[in-house]
Amino acid sequence: WRRSTARTSMSSCSTRPRSSTTSASSTRCPGEDFTIRSADRVVACAREAGVDDFRSELAADAIAIHAHPSVDPELDLTGAWIQAGALCDLGGFRLWDLPKPWVQEVIEEHPRDAVIKAVVAMIGAESKAVPHGRFALLRRCGYLQMLATGPKYGTAGVK
């Protein structure tokens, strides 16, 4: 499952030329979810930083797949790790498996102020903009309710 597959299966414009002055993240395509634009941005940033194309494409593909409801670690280990991190970060999944002092340090360095509210709003907007996309499916399956009930701040329940 790659960005090219995602574009073909979820978008009405699987290929689109971009001018050199148009950023990947600002180019909207009907039916294309924001993970594709984010992945394109990673490739652009990696290229600017001198990262080889193979590595930047692996990172981009992992970003594109991480929001898919059925990421298979056997097929895309990096995407599965990003998904696990996002689920821990946003929903508190397996937060208790992380060292409490480290979690507290991360929360202090990166405050969680209103992050869940912002993510819920973004997913809501994305699912309306792309009604047959992955985020619309996640919304229909209760993902927003899961986010609303997950930990918001602190390290309650963490060892």
C-alpha atoms as a PDB file:
ATOM      1  CA  TRP A   1       0.000   0.000   0.000  1.00  0.00           C
ATOM      2  CA  ARG A   2       1.743   3.103  -1.168  1.00  0.00           C
ATOM      3  CA  ARG A   3       0.892   6.742  -1.771  1.00  0.00           C
ATOM      4  CA  SER A   4       0.400   5.993  -5.458  1.00  0.00           C
ATOM      5  CA  THR A   5      -2.123   3.305  -4.497  1.00  0.00           C
ATOM      6  CA  ALA A   6      -3.828   5.683  -2.101  1.00  0.00           C
ATOM      7  CA  ARG A   7      -4.131   8.347  -4.766  1.00  0.00           C
ATOM      8  CA  THR A   8      -5.529   5.910  -7.299  1.00  0.00           C
ATOM      9  CA  SER A   9      -8.012   4.321  -4.908  1.00  0.00           C
ATOM     10  CA  MET A  10      -9.111   7.397  -2.957  1.00  0.00           C
ATOM     11  CA  SER A  11      -8.669  10.305  -5.288  1.00  0.00           C
ATOM     12  CA  SER A  12     -10.055  11.621  -8.493  1.00  0.00           C
ATOM     13  CA  CYS A  13      -6.637  13.008  -9.499  1.00  0.00           C
ATOM     14  CA  SER A  14      -4.006  10.344  -9.081  1.00  0.00           C
ATOM     15  CA  THR A  15      -1.383  12.394 -10.825  1.00  0.00           C
ATOM     16  CA  ARG A  16      -1.144  16.118 -10.778  1.00  0.00           C
ATOM     17  CA  PRO A  17       1.615  18.394 -11.923  1.00  0.00           C
ATOM     18  CA  ARG A  18       2.882  20.928  -9.444  1.00  0.00           C
ATOM     19  CA  SER A  19       4.745  24.072 -10.169  1.00  0.00           C
ATOM     20  CA  SER A  20       8.009  24.509  -8.339  1.00  0.00           C
ATOM     21  CA  THR A  21       6.371  27.290  -6.311  1.00  0.00           C
ATOM     22  CA  THR A  22       3.429  25.163  -5.121  1.00  0.00           C
ATOM     23  CA  SER A  23       3.996  23.259  -1.904  1.00  0.00           C
ATOM     24  CA  ALA A  24       2.713  19.714  -1.660  1.00  0.00           C
ATOM     25  CA  SER A  25       0.820  20.435   1.534  1.00  0.00           C
ATOM     26  CA  SER A  26      -1.023  23.419   0.053  1.00  0.00           C
ATOM     27  CA  THR A  27      -2.202  21.685  -3.121  1.00  0.00           C
ATOM     28  CA  ARG A  28      -5.674  20.318  -2.517  1.00  0.00           C
ATOM     29  CA  CYS A  29      -7.036  17.509  -4.589  1.00  0.00           C
ATOM     30  CA  PRO A  30     -10.696  16.465  -4.385  1.00  0.00           C
ATOM     31  CA  GLY A  31     -10.953  13.133  -2.604  1.00  0.00           C
ATOM     32  CA  GLU A  32      -7.377  13.130  -1.297  1.00  0.00           C
ATOM     33  CA  ASP A  33      -6.904  12.925   2.459  1.00  0.00           C
ATOM     34  CA  PHE A  34      -4.359  14.998   4.334  1.00  0.00           C
ATOM     35  CA  THR A  35      -1.980  12.099   5.009  1.00  0.00           C
ATOM     36  CA  ILE A  36      -1.136  12.069   1.300  1.00  0.00           C
ATOM     37  CA  ARG A  37      -0.343  15.784   1.371  1.00  0.00           C
ATOM     38  CA  SER A  38       1.686  15.270   4.572  1.00  0.00           C
ATOM     39  CA  ALA A  39       3.635  12.446   2.968  1.00  0.00           C
ATOM     40  CA  ASP A  40       4.370  14.615  -0.059  1.00  0.00           C
ATOM     41  CA  ARG A  41       5.645  17.322   2.276  1.00  0.00           C
ATOM     42  CA  VAL A  42       7.995  14.842   3.984  1.00  0.00           C
ATOM     43  CA  VAL A  43       9.499  13.959   0.605  1.00  0.00           C
ATOM     44  CA  ALA A  44      10.031  17.652  -0.176  1.00  0.00           C
ATOM     45  CA  CYS A  45      11.628  18.316   3.235  1.00  0.00           C
ATOM     46  CA  ALA A  46      13.814  15.212   2.975  1.00  0.00           C
ATOM     47  CA  ARG A  47      14.969  16.234  -0.485  1.00  0.00           C
ATOM     48  CA  GLU A  48      15.908  19.691   0.834  1.00  0.00           C
ATOM     49  CA  ALA A  49      17.850  17.999   3.648  1.00  0.00           C
ATOM     50  CA  GLY A  50      19.715  15.721   1.245  1.00  0.00           C
ATOM     51  CA  VAL A  51      17.999  12.488   2.294  1.00  0.00           C
ATOM     52  CA  ASP A  52      18.062   9.875  -0.465  1.00  0.00           C
ATOM     53  CA  ASP A  53      14.828   9.231  -2.358  1.00  0.00           C
ATOM     54  CA  PHE A  54      14.476   5.625  -1.169  1.00  0.00           C
ATOM     55  CA  ARG A  55      14.473   6.613   2.516  1.00  0.00           C
ATOM     56  CA  SER A  56      12.212   9.611   1.990  1.00  0.00           C
ATOM     57  CA  GLU A  57       9.695   7.494   0.054  1.00  0.00           C
ATOM     58  CA  LEU A  58       9.678   4.887   2.855  1.00  0.00           C
ATOM     59  CA  ALA A  59       8.901   7.618   5.377  1.00  0.00           C
ATOM     60  CA  ALA A  60       6.234   9.112   3.128  1.00  0.00           C
ATOM     61  CA  ASP A  61       4.558   5.752   2.567  1.00  0.00           C
ATOM     62  CA  ALA A  62       4.532   5.078   6.317  1.00  0.00           C
ATOM     63  CA  ILE A  63       2.838   8.429   6.950  1.00  0.00           C
ATOM     64  CA  ALA A  64       0.253   7.739   4.251  1.00  0.00           C
ATOM     65  CA  ILE A  65      -0.601   4.274   5.582  1.00  0.00           C
ATOM     66  CA  HIS A  66      -0.593   4.985   9.328  1.00  0.00           C
ATOM     67  CA  ALA A  67      -4.193   6.219   9.308  1.00  0.00           C
ATOM     68  CA  HIS A  68      -5.491   3.137   7.508  1.00  0.00           C
ATOM     69  CA  PRO A  69      -7.767   1.048   9.745  1.00  0.00           C
ATOM     70  CA  SER A  70      -5.928  -2.194   8.983  1.00  0.00           C
ATOM     71  CA  VAL A  71      -2.193  -1.487   8.926  1.00  0.00           C
ATOM     72  CA  ASP A  72      -0.396  -4.816   8.730  1.00  0.00           C
ATOM     73  CA  PRO A  73       3.015  -4.831  10.480  1.00  0.00           C
ATOM     74  CA  GLU A  74       4.003  -7.771   8.265  1.00  0.00           C
ATOM     75  CA  LEU A  75       3.622  -5.528   5.203  1.00  0.00           C
ATOM     76  CA  ASP A  76       4.510  -2.092   6.551  1.00  0.00           C
ATOM     77  CA  LEU A  77       6.370  -2.139   9.848  1.00  0.00           C
ATOM     78  CA  THR A  78       7.185   1.587   9.842  1.00  0.00           C
ATOM     79  CA  GLY A  79       3.567   2.520   9.134  1.00  0.00           C
ATOM     80  CA  ALA A  80       2.455   0.213  11.951  1.00  0.00           C
ATOM     81  CA  TRP A  81       4.924   1.890  14.358  1.00  0.00           C
ATOM     82  CA  ILE A  82       3.674   5.357  13.389  1.00  0.00           C
ATOM     83  CA  GLN A  83       0.094   4.183  13.883  1.00  0.00           C
ATOM     84  CA  ALA A  84       0.953   2.712  17.295  1.00  0.00           C
ATOM     85  CA  GLY A  85       2.592   5.992  18.303  1.00  0.00           C
ATOM     86  CA  ALA A  86      -0.395   8.021  17.130  1.00  0.00           C
ATOM     87  CA  LEU A  87      -2.818   5.743  18.993  1.00  0.00           C
ATOM     88  CA  CYS A  88      -0.724   6.049  22.143  1.00  0.00           C
ATOM     89  CA  ASP A  89      -0.420   9.812  21.755  1.00  0.00           C
ATOM     90  CA  LEU A  90      -4.048  10.520  20.918  1.00  0.00           C
ATOM     91  CA  GLY A  91      -5.960   7.656  22.522  1.00  0.00           C
ATOM     92  CA  GLY A  92      -3.688   6.584  25.359  1.00  0.00           C
ATOM     93  CA  PHE A  93      -3.322   3.056  23.951  1.00  0.00           C
ATOM     94  CA  ARG A  94      -0.568   1.198  25.829  1.00  0.00           C
ATOM     95  CA  LEU A  95       0.518   4.392  27.560  1.00  0.00           C
ATOM     96  CA  TRP A  96       0.937   2.291  30.707  1.00  0.00           C
ATOM     97  CA  ASP A  97       3.711   0.320  28.983  1.00  0.00           C
ATOM     98  CA  LEU A  98       5.942   3.395  28.789  1.00  0.00           C
ATOM     99  CA  PRO A  99       8.125   4.586  31.687  1.00  0.00           C
ATOM    100  CA  LYS A 100       6.132   7.146  33.696  1.00  0.00           C
ATOM    101  CA  PRO A 101       9.079   9.584  34.152  1.00  0.00           C
ATOM    102  CA  TRP A 102       9.714   9.631  30.403  1.00  0.00           C
ATOM    103  CA  VAL A 103       6.022  10.188  29.601  1.00  0.00           C
ATOM    104  CA  GLN A 104       5.889  13.036  32.126  1.00  0.00           C
ATOM    105  CA  GLU A 105       9.000  14.607  30.597  1.00  0.00           C
ATOM    106  CA  VAL A 106       7.490  14.425  27.101  1.00  0.00           C
ATOM    107  CA  ILE A 107       4.229  15.984  28.313  1.00  0.00           C
ATOM    108  CA  GLU A 108       6.126  18.800  30.035  1.00  0.00           C
ATOM    109  CA  GLU A 109       8.225  19.497  26.923  1.00  0.00           C
ATOM    110  CA  HIS A 110       5.256  19.192  24.562  1.00  0.00           C
ATOM    111  CA  PRO A 111       2.073  20.322  26.362  1.00  0.00           C
ATOM    112  CA  ARG A 112      -1.135  18.612  25.297  1.00  0.00           C
ATOM    113  CA  ASP A 113      -3.234  21.778  25.501  1.00  0.00           C
ATOM    114  CA  ALA A 114      -6.290  21.306  23.284  1.00  0.00           C
ATOM    115  CA  VAL A 115      -4.598  18.730  21.023  1.00  0.00           C
ATOM    116  CA  ILE A 116      -7.517  16.288  21.156  1.00  0.00           C
ATOM    117  CA  LYS A 117     -10.032  19.028  20.406  1.00  0.00           C
ATOM    118  CA  ALA A 118      -7.927  20.141  17.414  1.00  0.00           C
ATOM    119  CA  VAL A 119      -7.495  16.589  16.078  1.00  0.00           C
ATOM    120  CA  VAL A 120     -11.215  15.868  16.454  1.00  0.00           C
ATOM    121  CA  ALA A 121     -11.985  19.052  14.493  1.00  0.00           C
ATOM    122  CA  MET A 122      -9.464  18.163  11.761  1.00  0.00           C
ATOM    123  CA  ILE A 123     -10.809  14.619  11.387  1.00  0.00           C
ATOM    124  CA  GLY A 124     -14.368  15.941  11.299  1.00  0.00           C
ATOM    125  CA  ALA A 125     -13.474  18.434   8.573  1.00  0.00           C
ATOM    126  CA  GLU A 126     -11.496  15.825   6.628  1.00  0.00           C
ATOM    127  CA  SER A 127     -14.312  13.279   6.767  1.00  0.00           C
ATOM    128  CA  LYS A 128     -16.750  15.869   5.421  1.00  0.00           C
ATOM    129  CA  ALA A 129     -14.345  16.936   2.666  1.00  0.00           C
ATOM    130  CA  VAL A 130     -13.578  13.317   1.694  1.00  0.00           C
ATOM    131  CA  PRO A 131     -16.775  11.410   2.560  1.00  0.00           C
ATOM    132  CA  HIS A 132     -15.515   8.083   1.195  1.00  0.00           C
ATOM    133  CA  GLY A 133     -12.021   8.391   2.643  1.00  0.00           C
ATOM    134  CA  ARG A 134     -10.296   6.712   5.555  1.00  0.00           C
ATOM    135  CA  PHE A 135     -11.107   9.432   8.061  1.00  0.00           C
ATOM    136  CA  ALA A 136     -14.806   9.279   7.227  1.00  0.00           C
ATOM    137  CA  LEU A 137     -14.635   5.534   7.871  1.00  0.00           C
ATOM    138  CA  LEU A 138     -12.793   6.047  11.157  1.00  0.00           C
ATOM    139  CA  ARG A 139     -15.369   8.662  12.170  1.00  0.00           C
ATOM    140  CA  ARG A 140     -18.260   6.300  11.389  1.00  0.00           C
ATOM    141  CA  CYS A 141     -16.541   3.555  13.410  1.00  0.00           C
ATOM    142  CA  GLY A 142     -16.241   5.636  16.590  1.00  0.00           C
ATOM    143  CA  TYR A 143     -12.694   6.996  16.370  1.00  0.00           C
ATOM    144  CA  LEU A 144     -13.767  10.460  17.555  1.00  0.00           C
ATOM    145  CA  GLN A 145     -15.497   8.959  20.597  1.00  0.00           C
ATOM    146  CA  MET A 146     -12.333   6.984  21.360  1.00  0.00           C
ATOM    147  CA  LEU A 147     -10.305  10.192  21.228  1.00  0.00           C
ATOM    148  CA  ALA A 148     -12.803  11.975  23.468  1.00  0.00           C
ATOM    149  CA  THR A 149     -12.494   9.292  26.147  1.00  0.00           C
ATOM    150  CA  GLY A 150      -8.702   8.926  26.015  1.00  0.00           C
ATOM    151  CA  PRO A 151      -6.322  10.668  28.427  1.00  0.00           C
ATOM    152  CA  LYS A 152      -5.977  14.378  27.806  1.00  0.00           C
ATOM    153  CA  TYR A 153      -3.148  15.384  30.124  1.00  0.00           C
ATOM    154  CA  GLY A 154      -0.810  13.961  32.714  1.00  0.00           C
ATOM    155  CA  THR A 155       0.174  10.368  33.225  1.00  0.00           C
ATOM    156  CA  ALA A 156      -2.841   8.832  34.977  1.00  0.00           C
ATOM    157  CA  GLY A 157      -2.672   5.081  34.620  1.00  0.00           C
ATOM    158  CA  VAL A 158       1.013   5.076  33.655  1.00  0.00           C
ATOM    159  CA  LYS A 159       3.424   2.909  35.657  1.00  0.00           C
END
